Amino acid sequence: QHTAVRQAHHKHEPNFHDKYGNLVLLGGAAVFAAVWGY
């Protein structure tokens, strides 16, 4: 119960992975494709 109450009142701030995770993943995939294409 204590854990549930604490999580319910906790404000989730976006971290680096929330903000830039997809961008980094797509950038890595683009570099991978470019290198192997070459």
Full PDB file with SEQRES, HELIX, SHEET, SSBOND, CRYST1, ORIGX, SCALE, CONECT and MASTER records, all heavy atoms in Angstrom:
SEQRES   1 A   38  GLN HIS THR ALA VAL ARG GLN ALA HIS HIS LYS HIS GLU          
SEQRES   2 A   38  PRO ASN PHE HIS ASP LYS TYR GLY ASN LEU VAL LEU LEU          
SEQRES   3 A   38  GLY GLY ALA ALA VAL PHE ALA ALA VAL TRP GLY TYR              
HELIX    1 AA1 HIS A    2  HIS A    9  1                                   8    
HELIX    2 AA2 PHE A   16  GLY A   37  1                                  22    
CRYST1    1.000    1.000    1.000  90.00  90.00  90.00 P 1           1          
ORIGX1      1.000000  0.000000  0.000000        0.00000                         
ORIGX2      0.000000  1.000000  0.000000        0.00000                         
ORIGX3      0.000000  0.000000  1.000000        0.00000                         
SCALE1      1.000000  0.000000  0.000000        0.00000                         
SCALE2      0.000000  1.000000  0.000000        0.00000                         
SCALE3      0.000000  0.000000  1.000000        0.00000                         
ATOM      1  N   GLN A   1       0.828  -1.203   0.000  1.00  0.00           N  
ATOM      2  CA  GLN A   1       0.000   0.000   0.000  1.00  0.00           C  
ATOM      3  C   GLN A   1       0.862   1.254   0.000  1.00  0.00           C  
ATOM      4  O   GLN A   1       0.569   2.228  -0.711  1.00  0.00           O  
ATOM      5  CB  GLN A   1      -0.908   0.014   1.219  1.00  0.00           C  
ATOM      6  CG  GLN A   1      -2.040  -0.978   1.152  1.00  0.00           C  
ATOM      7  CD  GLN A   1      -2.844  -1.024   2.431  1.00  0.00           C  
ATOM      8  OE1 GLN A   1      -2.409  -0.508   3.461  1.00  0.00           O  
ATOM      9  NE2 GLN A   1      -4.005  -1.658   2.380  1.00  0.00           N  
ATOM     10  N   HIS A   2       1.919   1.251   0.780  1.00  0.00           N  
ATOM     11  CA  HIS A   2       2.815   2.404   0.837  1.00  0.00           C  
ATOM     12  C   HIS A   2       3.455   2.655  -0.524  1.00  0.00           C  
ATOM     13  O   HIS A   2       3.539   3.803  -0.978  1.00  0.00           O  
ATOM     14  CB  HIS A   2       3.884   2.175   1.909  1.00  0.00           C  
ATOM     15  CG  HIS A   2       4.865   3.286   2.017  1.00  0.00           C  
ATOM     16  ND1 HIS A   2       4.547   4.523   2.532  1.00  0.00           N  
ATOM     17  CD2 HIS A   2       6.171   3.365   1.666  1.00  0.00           C  
ATOM     18  CE1 HIS A   2       5.600   5.311   2.496  1.00  0.00           C  
ATOM     19  NE2 HIS A   2       6.609   4.624   1.979  1.00  0.00           N  
ATOM     20  N   THR A   3       3.894   1.596  -1.192  1.00  0.00           N  
ATOM     21  CA  THR A   3       4.511   1.740  -2.519  1.00  0.00           C  
ATOM     22  C   THR A   3       3.504   2.286  -3.523  1.00  0.00           C  
ATOM     23  O   THR A   3       3.830   3.158  -4.335  1.00  0.00           O  
ATOM     24  CB  THR A   3       5.065   0.389  -2.993  1.00  0.00           C  
ATOM     25  OG1 THR A   3       6.009  -0.077  -2.034  1.00  0.00           O  
ATOM     26  CG2 THR A   3       5.748   0.515  -4.333  1.00  0.00           C  
ATOM     27  N   ALA A   4       2.272   1.785  -3.477  1.00  0.00           N  
ATOM     28  CA  ALA A   4       1.246   2.248  -4.410  1.00  0.00           C  
ATOM     29  C   ALA A   4       0.939   3.725  -4.199  1.00  0.00           C  
ATOM     30  O   ALA A   4       0.806   4.485  -5.166  1.00  0.00           O  
ATOM     31  CB  ALA A   4      -0.013   1.405  -4.249  1.00  0.00           C  
ATOM     32  N   VAL A   5       0.821   4.151  -2.949  1.00  0.00           N  
ATOM     33  CA  VAL A   5       0.539   5.562  -2.656  1.00  0.00           C  
ATOM     34  C   VAL A   5       1.701   6.439  -3.107  1.00  0.00           C  
ATOM     35  O   VAL A   5       1.499   7.505  -3.690  1.00  0.00           O  
ATOM     36  CB  VAL A   5       0.251   5.746  -1.151  1.00  0.00           C  
ATOM     37  CG1 VAL A   5       0.258   7.212  -0.760  1.00  0.00           C  
ATOM     38  CG2 VAL A   5      -1.078   5.103  -0.804  1.00  0.00           C  
ATOM     39  N   ARG A   6       2.928   5.987  -2.830  1.00  0.00           N  
ATOM     40  CA  ARG A   6       4.100   6.774  -3.215  1.00  0.00           C  
ATOM     41  C   ARG A   6       4.195   6.926  -4.732  1.00  0.00           C  
ATOM     42  O   ARG A   6       4.485   8.003  -5.248  1.00  0.00           O  
ATOM     43  CB  ARG A   6       5.359   6.106  -2.669  1.00  0.00           C  
ATOM     44  CG  ARG A   6       6.592   6.961  -2.854  1.00  0.00           C  
ATOM     45  CD  ARG A   6       7.797   6.296  -2.263  1.00  0.00           C  
ATOM     46  NE  ARG A   6       7.979   5.002  -2.914  1.00  0.00           N  
ATOM     47  CZ  ARG A   6       8.557   3.954  -2.350  1.00  0.00           C  
ATOM     48  NH1 ARG A   6       9.010   4.020  -1.141  1.00  0.00           N  
ATOM     49  NH2 ARG A   6       8.684   2.826  -3.000  1.00  0.00           N  
ATOM     50  N   GLN A   7       3.905   5.848  -5.468  1.00  0.00           N  
ATOM     51  CA  GLN A   7       3.982   5.932  -6.929  1.00  0.00           C  
ATOM     52  C   GLN A   7       2.859   6.782  -7.505  1.00  0.00           C  
ATOM     53  O   GLN A   7       3.023   7.424  -8.532  1.00  0.00           O  
ATOM     54  CB  GLN A   7       3.954   4.533  -7.536  1.00  0.00           C  
ATOM     55  CG  GLN A   7       5.243   3.774  -7.324  1.00  0.00           C  
ATOM     56  CD  GLN A   7       5.183   2.365  -7.892  1.00  0.00           C  
ATOM     57  OE1 GLN A   7       4.129   1.891  -8.291  1.00  0.00           O  
ATOM     58  NE2 GLN A   7       6.318   1.706  -7.906  1.00  0.00           N  
ATOM     59  N   ALA A   8       1.701   6.783  -6.850  1.00  0.00           N  
ATOM     60  CA  ALA A   8       0.568   7.569  -7.344  1.00  0.00           C  
ATOM     61  C   ALA A   8       0.844   9.065  -7.217  1.00  0.00           C  
ATOM     62  O   ALA A   8       0.397   9.854  -8.049  1.00  0.00           O  
ATOM     63  CB  ALA A   8      -0.694   7.202  -6.580  1.00  0.00           C  
ATOM     64  N   HIS A   9       1.595   9.469  -6.201  1.00  0.00           N  
ATOM     65  CA  HIS A   9       1.875  10.883  -5.995  1.00  0.00           C  
ATOM     66  C   HIS A   9       3.186  11.339  -6.604  1.00  0.00           C  
ATOM     67  O   HIS A   9       3.535  12.513  -6.523  1.00  0.00           O  
ATOM     68  CB  HIS A   9       1.882  11.193  -4.490  1.00  0.00           C  
ATOM     69  CG  HIS A   9       0.529  11.104  -3.892  1.00  0.00           C  
ATOM     70  ND1 HIS A   9       0.040   9.945  -3.337  1.00  0.00           N  
ATOM     71  CD2 HIS A   9      -0.469  12.013  -3.778  1.00  0.00           C  
ATOM     72  CE1 HIS A   9      -1.186  10.148  -2.904  1.00  0.00           C  
ATOM     73  NE2 HIS A   9      -1.527  11.398  -3.151  1.00  0.00           N  
ATOM     74  N   HIS A  10       3.912  10.417  -7.212  1.00  0.00           N  
ATOM     75  CA  HIS A  10       5.211  10.769  -7.770  1.00  0.00           C  
ATOM     76  C   HIS A  10       5.039  11.349  -9.169  1.00  0.00           C  
ATOM     77  O   HIS A  10       4.408  10.752 -10.022  1.00  0.00           O  
ATOM     78  CB  HIS A  10       6.106   9.518  -7.839  1.00  0.00           C  
ATOM     79  CG  HIS A  10       7.445   9.791  -8.439  1.00  0.00           C  
ATOM     80  ND1 HIS A  10       8.386  10.580  -7.830  1.00  0.00           N  
ATOM     81  CD2 HIS A  10       8.009   9.378  -9.601  1.00  0.00           C  
ATOM     82  CE1 HIS A  10       9.468  10.640  -8.587  1.00  0.00           C  
ATOM     83  NE2 HIS A  10       9.263   9.916  -9.666  1.00  0.00           N  
ATOM     84  N   LYS A  11       5.580  12.521  -9.373  1.00  0.00           N  
ATOM     85  CA  LYS A  11       5.540  13.140 -10.695  1.00  0.00           C  
ATOM     86  C   LYS A  11       6.676  12.559 -11.534  1.00  0.00           C  
ATOM     87  O   LYS A  11       7.829  12.571 -11.119  1.00  0.00           O  
ATOM     88  CB  LYS A  11       5.722  14.656 -10.589  1.00  0.00           C  
ATOM     89  CG  LYS A  11       4.706  15.333  -9.735  1.00  0.00           C  
ATOM     90  CD  LYS A  11       3.492  15.674 -10.527  1.00  0.00           C  
ATOM     91  CE  LYS A  11       2.604  16.538  -9.652  1.00  0.00           C  
ATOM     92  NZ  LYS A  11       1.242  16.461  -9.943  1.00  0.00           N  
ATOM     93  N   HIS A  12       6.335  12.073 -12.709  1.00  0.00           N  
ATOM     94  CA  HIS A  12       7.345  11.474 -13.582  1.00  0.00           C  
ATOM     95  C   HIS A  12       7.902  12.542 -14.505  1.00  0.00           C  
ATOM     96  O   HIS A  12       7.182  13.109 -15.318  1.00  0.00           O  
ATOM     97  CB  HIS A  12       6.735  10.342 -14.403  1.00  0.00           C  
ATOM     98  CG  HIS A  12       7.686   9.746 -15.381  1.00  0.00           C  
ATOM     99  ND1 HIS A  12       8.778   8.991 -14.995  1.00  0.00           N  
ATOM    100  CD2 HIS A  12       7.736   9.791 -16.732  1.00  0.00           C  
ATOM    101  CE1 HIS A  12       9.439   8.606 -16.061  1.00  0.00           C  
ATOM    102  NE2 HIS A  12       8.825   9.073 -17.128  1.00  0.00           N  
ATOM    103  N   GLU A  13       9.180  12.824 -14.351  1.00  0.00           N  
ATOM    104  CA  GLU A  13       9.839  13.768 -15.245  1.00  0.00           C  
ATOM    105  C   GLU A  13      10.522  12.980 -16.341  1.00  0.00           C  
ATOM    106  O   GLU A  13      11.156  11.969 -16.080  1.00  0.00           O  
ATOM    107  CB  GLU A  13      10.884  14.580 -14.480  1.00  0.00           C  
ATOM    108  CG  GLU A  13      10.292  15.453 -13.408  1.00  0.00           C  
ATOM    109  CD  GLU A  13      11.364  16.237 -12.679  1.00  0.00           C  
ATOM    110  OE1 GLU A  13      12.521  16.249 -13.139  1.00  0.00           O  
ATOM    111  OE2 GLU A  13      11.047  16.825 -11.645  1.00  0.00           O  
ATOM    112  N   PRO A  14      10.401  13.413 -17.587  1.00  0.00           N  
ATOM    113  CA  PRO A  14      11.059  12.679 -18.670  1.00  0.00           C  
ATOM    114  C   PRO A  14      12.574  12.745 -18.526  1.00  0.00           C  
ATOM    115  O   PRO A  14      13.143  13.798 -18.278  1.00  0.00           O  
ATOM    116  CB  PRO A  14      10.595  13.392 -19.944  1.00  0.00           C  
ATOM    117  CG  PRO A  14       9.981  14.664 -19.504  1.00  0.00           C  
ATOM    118  CD  PRO A  14       9.638  14.537 -18.059  1.00  0.00           C  
ATOM    119  N   ASN A  15      13.203  11.598 -18.662  1.00  0.00           N  
ATOM    120  CA  ASN A  15      14.659  11.555 -18.593  1.00  0.00           C  
ATOM    121  C   ASN A  15      15.235  11.565 -20.004  1.00  0.00           C  
ATOM    122  O   ASN A  15      14.515  11.746 -20.986  1.00  0.00           O  
ATOM    123  CB  ASN A  15      15.128  10.336 -17.791  1.00  0.00           C  
ATOM    124  CG  ASN A  15      14.659   9.035 -18.394  1.00  0.00           C  
ATOM    125  OD1 ASN A  15      14.196   8.998 -19.530  1.00  0.00           O  
ATOM    126  ND2 ASN A  15      14.770   7.968 -17.642  1.00  0.00           N  
ATOM    127  N   PHE A  16      16.523  11.343 -20.116  1.00  0.00           N  
ATOM    128  CA  PHE A  16      17.187  11.398 -21.413  1.00  0.00           C  
ATOM    129  C   PHE A  16      16.578  10.401 -22.387  1.00  0.00           C  
ATOM    130  O   PHE A  16      16.348  10.712 -23.552  1.00  0.00           O  
ATOM    131  CB  PHE A  16      18.687  11.109 -21.242  1.00  0.00           C  
ATOM    132  CG  PHE A  16      19.441  11.072 -22.538  1.00  0.00           C  
ATOM    133  CD1 PHE A  16      19.883  12.239 -23.116  1.00  0.00           C  
ATOM    134  CD2 PHE A  16      19.702   9.874 -23.181  1.00  0.00           C  
ATOM    135  CE1 PHE A  16      20.578  12.222 -24.313  1.00  0.00           C  
ATOM    136  CE2 PHE A  16      20.391   9.839 -24.373  1.00  0.00           C  
ATOM    137  CZ  PHE A  16      20.834  11.020 -24.937  1.00  0.00           C  
ATOM    138  N   HIS A  17      16.302   9.173 -21.907  1.00  0.00           N  
ATOM    139  CA  HIS A  17      15.785   8.138 -22.795  1.00  0.00           C  
ATOM    140  C   HIS A  17      14.364   8.454 -23.255  1.00  0.00           C  
ATOM    141  O   HIS A  17      14.001   8.140 -24.393  1.00  0.00           O  
ATOM    142  CB  HIS A  17      15.827   6.788 -22.090  1.00  0.00           C  
ATOM    143  CG  HIS A  17      17.209   6.398 -21.687  1.00  0.00           C  
ATOM    144  ND1 HIS A  17      18.155   5.989 -22.603  1.00  0.00           N  
ATOM    145  CD2 HIS A  17      17.823   6.383 -20.488  1.00  0.00           C  
ATOM    146  CE1 HIS A  17      19.286   5.730 -21.962  1.00  0.00           C  
ATOM    147  NE2 HIS A  17      19.115   5.963 -20.684  1.00  0.00           N  
ATOM    148  N   ASP A  18      13.577   9.072 -22.388  1.00  0.00           N  
ATOM    149  CA  ASP A  18      12.231   9.475 -22.793  1.00  0.00           C  
ATOM    150  C   ASP A  18      12.282  10.578 -23.845  1.00  0.00           C  
ATOM    151  O   ASP A  18      11.475  10.601 -24.770  1.00  0.00           O  
ATOM    152  CB  ASP A  18      11.437   9.966 -21.586  1.00  0.00           C  
ATOM    153  CG  ASP A  18      11.158   8.862 -20.584  1.00  0.00           C  
ATOM    154  OD1 ASP A  18      11.105   7.688 -21.002  1.00  0.00           O  
ATOM    155  OD2 ASP A  18      11.007   9.173 -19.393  1.00  0.00           O  
ATOM    156  N   LYS A  19      13.208  11.496 -23.681  1.00  0.00           N  
ATOM    157  CA  LYS A  19      13.291  12.632 -24.598  1.00  0.00           C  
ATOM    158  C   LYS A  19      13.933  12.260 -25.935  1.00  0.00           C  
ATOM    159  O   LYS A  19      13.445  12.635 -26.990  1.00  0.00           O  
ATOM    160  CB  LYS A  19      14.116  13.760 -23.978  1.00  0.00           C  
ATOM    161  CG  LYS A  19      13.453  14.467 -22.834  1.00  0.00           C  
ATOM    162  CD  LYS A  19      14.359  15.570 -22.327  1.00  0.00           C  
ATOM    163  CE  LYS A  19      13.760  16.295 -21.157  1.00  0.00           C  
ATOM    164  NZ  LYS A  19      14.666  17.323 -20.630  1.00  0.00           N  
ATOM    165  N   TYR A  20      15.064  11.536 -25.882  1.00  0.00           N  
ATOM    166  CA  TYR A  20      15.871  11.356 -27.085  1.00  0.00           C  
ATOM    167  C   TYR A  20      16.044   9.900 -27.495  1.00  0.00           C  
ATOM    168  O   TYR A  20      16.796   9.625 -28.427  1.00  0.00           O  
ATOM    169  CB  TYR A  20      17.265  11.951 -26.855  1.00  0.00           C  
ATOM    170  CG  TYR A  20      17.227  13.383 -26.412  1.00  0.00           C  
ATOM    171  CD1 TYR A  20      17.604  13.732 -25.124  1.00  0.00           C  
ATOM    172  CD2 TYR A  20      16.804  14.375 -27.277  1.00  0.00           C  
ATOM    173  CE1 TYR A  20      17.572  15.044 -24.707  1.00  0.00           C  
ATOM    174  CE2 TYR A  20      16.766  15.691 -26.874  1.00  0.00           C  
ATOM    175  CZ  TYR A  20      17.152  16.022 -25.588  1.00  0.00           C  
ATOM    176  OH  TYR A  20      17.118  17.316 -25.181  1.00  0.00           O  
ATOM    177  N   GLY A  21      15.382   8.959 -26.835  1.00  0.00           N  
ATOM    178  CA  GLY A  21      15.601   7.547 -27.100  1.00  0.00           C  
ATOM    179  C   GLY A  21      15.326   7.153 -28.538  1.00  0.00           C  
ATOM    180  O   GLY A  21      16.143   6.497 -29.193  1.00  0.00           O  
ATOM    181  N   ASN A  22      14.169   7.541 -29.059  1.00  0.00           N  
ATOM    182  CA  ASN A  22      13.826   7.178 -30.439  1.00  0.00           C  
ATOM    183  C   ASN A  22      14.741   7.865 -31.433  1.00  0.00           C  
ATOM    184  O   ASN A  22      15.115   7.277 -32.455  1.00  0.00           O  
ATOM    185  CB  ASN A  22      12.370   7.531 -30.733  1.00  0.00           C  
ATOM    186  CG  ASN A  22      11.414   6.640 -29.973  1.00  0.00           C  
ATOM    187  OD1 ASN A  22      11.753   5.522 -29.613  1.00  0.00           O  
ATOM    188  ND2 ASN A  22      10.227   7.145 -29.716  1.00  0.00           N  
ATOM    189  N   LEU A  23      15.117   9.099 -31.152  1.00  0.00           N  
ATOM    190  CA  LEU A  23      16.006   9.829 -32.050  1.00  0.00           C  
ATOM    191  C   LEU A  23      17.381   9.171 -32.117  1.00  0.00           C  
ATOM    192  O   LEU A  23      17.956   9.009 -33.202  1.00  0.00           O  
ATOM    193  CB  LEU A  23      16.127  11.278 -31.580  1.00  0.00           C  
ATOM    194  CG  LEU A  23      16.891  12.234 -32.495  1.00  0.00           C  
ATOM    195  CD1 LEU A  23      16.164  12.390 -33.816  1.00  0.00           C  
ATOM    196  CD2 LEU A  23      17.047  13.576 -31.821  1.00  0.00           C  
ATOM    197  N   VAL A  24      17.890   8.764 -30.973  1.00  0.00           N  
ATOM    198  CA  VAL A  24      19.187   8.087 -30.940  1.00  0.00           C  
ATOM    199  C   VAL A  24      19.103   6.744 -31.656  1.00  0.00           C  
ATOM    200  O   VAL A  24      19.999   6.371 -32.415  1.00  0.00           O  
ATOM    201  CB  VAL A  24      19.663   7.913 -29.477  1.00  0.00           C  
ATOM    202  CG1 VAL A  24      20.875   7.013 -29.398  1.00  0.00           C  
ATOM    203  CG2 VAL A  24      19.964   9.266 -28.861  1.00  0.00           C  
ATOM    204  N   LEU A  25      18.016   6.016 -31.451  1.00  0.00           N  
ATOM    205  CA  LEU A  25      17.833   4.730 -32.119  1.00  0.00           C  
ATOM    206  C   LEU A  25      17.770   4.896 -33.632  1.00  0.00           C  
ATOM    207  O   LEU A  25      18.426   4.155 -34.378  1.00  0.00           O  
ATOM    208  CB  LEU A  25      16.552   4.065 -31.609  1.00  0.00           C  
ATOM    209  CG  LEU A  25      16.240   2.687 -32.170  1.00  0.00           C  
ATOM    210  CD1 LEU A  25      17.289   1.688 -31.703  1.00  0.00           C  
ATOM    211  CD2 LEU A  25      14.870   2.245 -31.753  1.00  0.00           C  
ATOM    212  N   LEU A  26      17.024   5.868 -34.099  1.00  0.00           N  
ATOM    213  CA  LEU A  26      16.932   6.107 -35.544  1.00  0.00           C  
ATOM    214  C   LEU A  26      18.256   6.589 -36.116  1.00  0.00           C  
ATOM    215  O   LEU A  26      18.637   6.213 -37.227  1.00  0.00           O  
ATOM    216  CB  LEU A  26      15.820   7.118 -35.843  1.00  0.00           C  
ATOM    217  CG  LEU A  26      14.399   6.617 -35.589  1.00  0.00           C  
ATOM    218  CD1 LEU A  26      13.396   7.739 -35.797  1.00  0.00           C  
ATOM    219  CD2 LEU A  26      14.076   5.441 -36.489  1.00  0.00           C  
ATOM    220  N   GLY A  27      18.975   7.418 -35.370  1.00  0.00           N  
ATOM    221  CA  GLY A  27      20.285   7.871 -35.831  1.00  0.00           C  
ATOM    222  C   GLY A  27      21.270   6.721 -35.950  1.00  0.00           C  
ATOM    223  O   GLY A  27      22.026   6.622 -36.919  1.00  0.00           O  
ATOM    224  N   GLY A  28      21.263   5.831 -34.971  1.00  0.00           N  
ATOM    225  CA  GLY A  28      22.132   4.658 -35.032  1.00  0.00           C  
ATOM    226  C   GLY A  28      21.780   3.748 -36.191  1.00  0.00           C  
ATOM    227  O   GLY A  28      22.661   3.217 -36.865  1.00  0.00           O  
ATOM    228  N   ALA A  29      20.493   3.569 -36.442  1.00  0.00           N  
ATOM    229  CA  ALA A  29      20.071   2.741 -37.570  1.00  0.00           C  
ATOM    230  C   ALA A  29      20.490   3.377 -38.900  1.00  0.00           C  
ATOM    231  O   ALA A  29      20.903   2.669 -39.834  1.00  0.00           O  
ATOM    232  CB  ALA A  29      18.561   2.542 -37.540  1.00  0.00           C  
ATOM    233  N   ALA A  30      20.428   4.694 -38.985  1.00  0.00           N  
ATOM    234  CA  ALA A  30      20.841   5.376 -40.216  1.00  0.00           C  
ATOM    235  C   ALA A  30      22.343   5.233 -40.445  1.00  0.00           C  
ATOM    236  O   ALA A  30      22.788   4.979 -41.576  1.00  0.00           O  
ATOM    237  CB  ALA A  30      20.448   6.853 -40.143  1.00  0.00           C  
ATOM    238  N   VAL A  31      23.136   5.394 -39.398  1.00  0.00           N  
ATOM    239  CA  VAL A  31      24.584   5.230 -39.530  1.00  0.00           C  
ATOM    240  C   VAL A  31      24.918   3.791 -39.900  1.00  0.00           C  
ATOM    241  O   VAL A  31      25.759   3.541 -40.772  1.00  0.00           O  
ATOM    242  CB  VAL A  31      25.301   5.654 -38.226  1.00  0.00           C  
ATOM    243  CG1 VAL A  31      26.760   5.262 -38.241  1.00  0.00           C  
ATOM    244  CG2 VAL A  31      25.152   7.149 -38.024  1.00  0.00           C  
ATOM    245  N   PHE A  32      24.261   2.829 -39.269  1.00  0.00           N  
ATOM    246  CA  PHE A  32      24.474   1.422 -39.573  1.00  0.00           C  
ATOM    247  C   PHE A  32      24.186   1.141 -41.051  1.00  0.00           C  
ATOM    248  O   PHE A  32      24.983   0.506 -41.747  1.00  0.00           O  
ATOM    249  CB  PHE A  32      23.555   0.578 -38.678  1.00  0.00           C  
ATOM    250  CG  PHE A  32      23.632  -0.895 -38.933  1.00  0.00           C  
ATOM    251  CD1 PHE A  32      24.593  -1.659 -38.313  1.00  0.00           C  
ATOM    252  CD2 PHE A  32      22.726  -1.512 -39.779  1.00  0.00           C  
ATOM    253  CE1 PHE A  32      24.660  -3.015 -38.532  1.00  0.00           C  
ATOM    254  CE2 PHE A  32      22.787  -2.868 -40.012  1.00  0.00           C  
ATOM    255  CZ  PHE A  32      23.752  -3.625 -39.387  1.00  0.00           C  
ATOM    256  N   ALA A  33      23.035   1.632 -41.540  1.00  0.00           N  
ATOM    257  CA  ALA A  33      22.663   1.405 -42.938  1.00  0.00           C  
ATOM    258  C   ALA A  33      23.630   2.103 -43.882  1.00  0.00           C  
ATOM    259  O   ALA A  33      23.988   1.549 -44.937  1.00  0.00           O  
ATOM    260  CB  ALA A  33      21.235   1.894 -43.172  1.00  0.00           C  
ATOM    261  N   ALA A  34      24.087   3.304 -43.539  1.00  0.00           N  
ATOM    262  CA  ALA A  34      25.003   4.036 -44.407  1.00  0.00           C  
ATOM    263  C   ALA A  34      26.358   3.331 -44.498  1.00  0.00           C  
ATOM    264  O   ALA A  34      26.920   3.196 -45.587  1.00  0.00           O  
ATOM    265  CB  ALA A  34      25.183   5.458 -43.890  1.00  0.00           C  
ATOM    266  N   VAL A  35      26.876   2.867 -43.375  1.00  0.00           N  
ATOM    267  CA  VAL A  35      28.178   2.198 -43.376  1.00  0.00           C  
ATOM    268  C   VAL A  35      28.107   0.898 -44.167  1.00  0.00           C  
ATOM    269  O   VAL A  35      28.958   0.637 -45.032  1.00  0.00           O  
ATOM    270  CB  VAL A  35      28.665   1.950 -41.935  1.00  0.00           C  
ATOM    271  CG1 VAL A  35      29.843   1.006 -41.914  1.00  0.00           C  
ATOM    272  CG2 VAL A  35      29.033   3.268 -41.277  1.00  0.00           C  
ATOM    273  N   TRP A  36      27.097   0.075 -43.920  1.00  0.00           N  
ATOM    274  CA  TRP A  36      27.004  -1.183 -44.654  1.00  0.00           C  
ATOM    275  C   TRP A  36      26.643  -0.945 -46.122  1.00  0.00           C  
ATOM    276  O   TRP A  36      27.064  -1.706 -46.994  1.00  0.00           O  
ATOM    277  CB  TRP A  36      26.009  -2.118 -43.991  1.00  0.00           C  
ATOM    278  CG  TRP A  36      26.640  -2.813 -42.836  1.00  0.00           C  
ATOM    279  CD1 TRP A  36      26.398  -2.596 -41.514  1.00  0.00           C  
ATOM    280  CD2 TRP A  36      27.660  -3.810 -42.899  1.00  0.00           C  
ATOM    281  NE1 TRP A  36      27.199  -3.405 -40.759  1.00  0.00           N  
ATOM    282  CE2 TRP A  36      27.979  -4.164 -41.571  1.00  0.00           C  
ATOM    283  CE3 TRP A  36      28.344  -4.430 -43.930  1.00  0.00           C  
ATOM    284  CZ2 TRP A  36      28.946  -5.123 -41.267  1.00  0.00           C  
ATOM    285  CZ3 TRP A  36      29.306  -5.389 -43.624  1.00  0.00           C  
ATOM    286  CH2 TRP A  36      29.593  -5.721 -42.316  1.00  0.00           C  
ATOM    287  N   GLY A  37      25.901   0.095 -46.412  1.00  0.00           N  
ATOM    288  CA  GLY A  37      25.636   0.446 -47.816  1.00  0.00           C  
ATOM    289  C   GLY A  37      26.922   0.792 -48.544  1.00  0.00           C  
ATOM    290  O   GLY A  37      27.143   0.377 -49.689  1.00  0.00           O  
ATOM    291  N   TYR A  38      27.793   1.530 -47.881  1.00  0.00           N  
ATOM    292  CA  TYR A  38      29.101   1.848 -48.463  1.00  0.00           C  
ATOM    293  C   TYR A  38      29.933   0.584 -48.667  1.00  0.00           C  
ATOM    294  O   TYR A  38      30.551   0.389 -49.698  1.00  0.00           O  
ATOM    295  CB  TYR A  38      29.846   2.838 -47.577  1.00  0.00           C  
ATOM    296  CG  TYR A  38      31.276   3.044 -48.027  1.00  0.00           C  
ATOM    297  CD1 TYR A  38      31.570   3.880 -49.094  1.00  0.00           C  
ATOM    298  CD2 TYR A  38      32.327   2.380 -47.406  1.00  0.00           C  
ATOM    299  CE1 TYR A  38      32.871   4.055 -49.531  1.00  0.00           C  
ATOM    300  CE2 TYR A  38      33.631   2.542 -47.834  1.00  0.00           C  
ATOM    301  CZ  TYR A  38      33.894   3.387 -48.892  1.00  0.00           C  
ATOM    302  OH  TYR A  38      35.187   3.545 -49.325  1.00  0.00           O  
TER     303      TYR A  38                                                      
MASTER        0    0    0    2    0    0    0    6  302    1    0    3          
END                                                                             
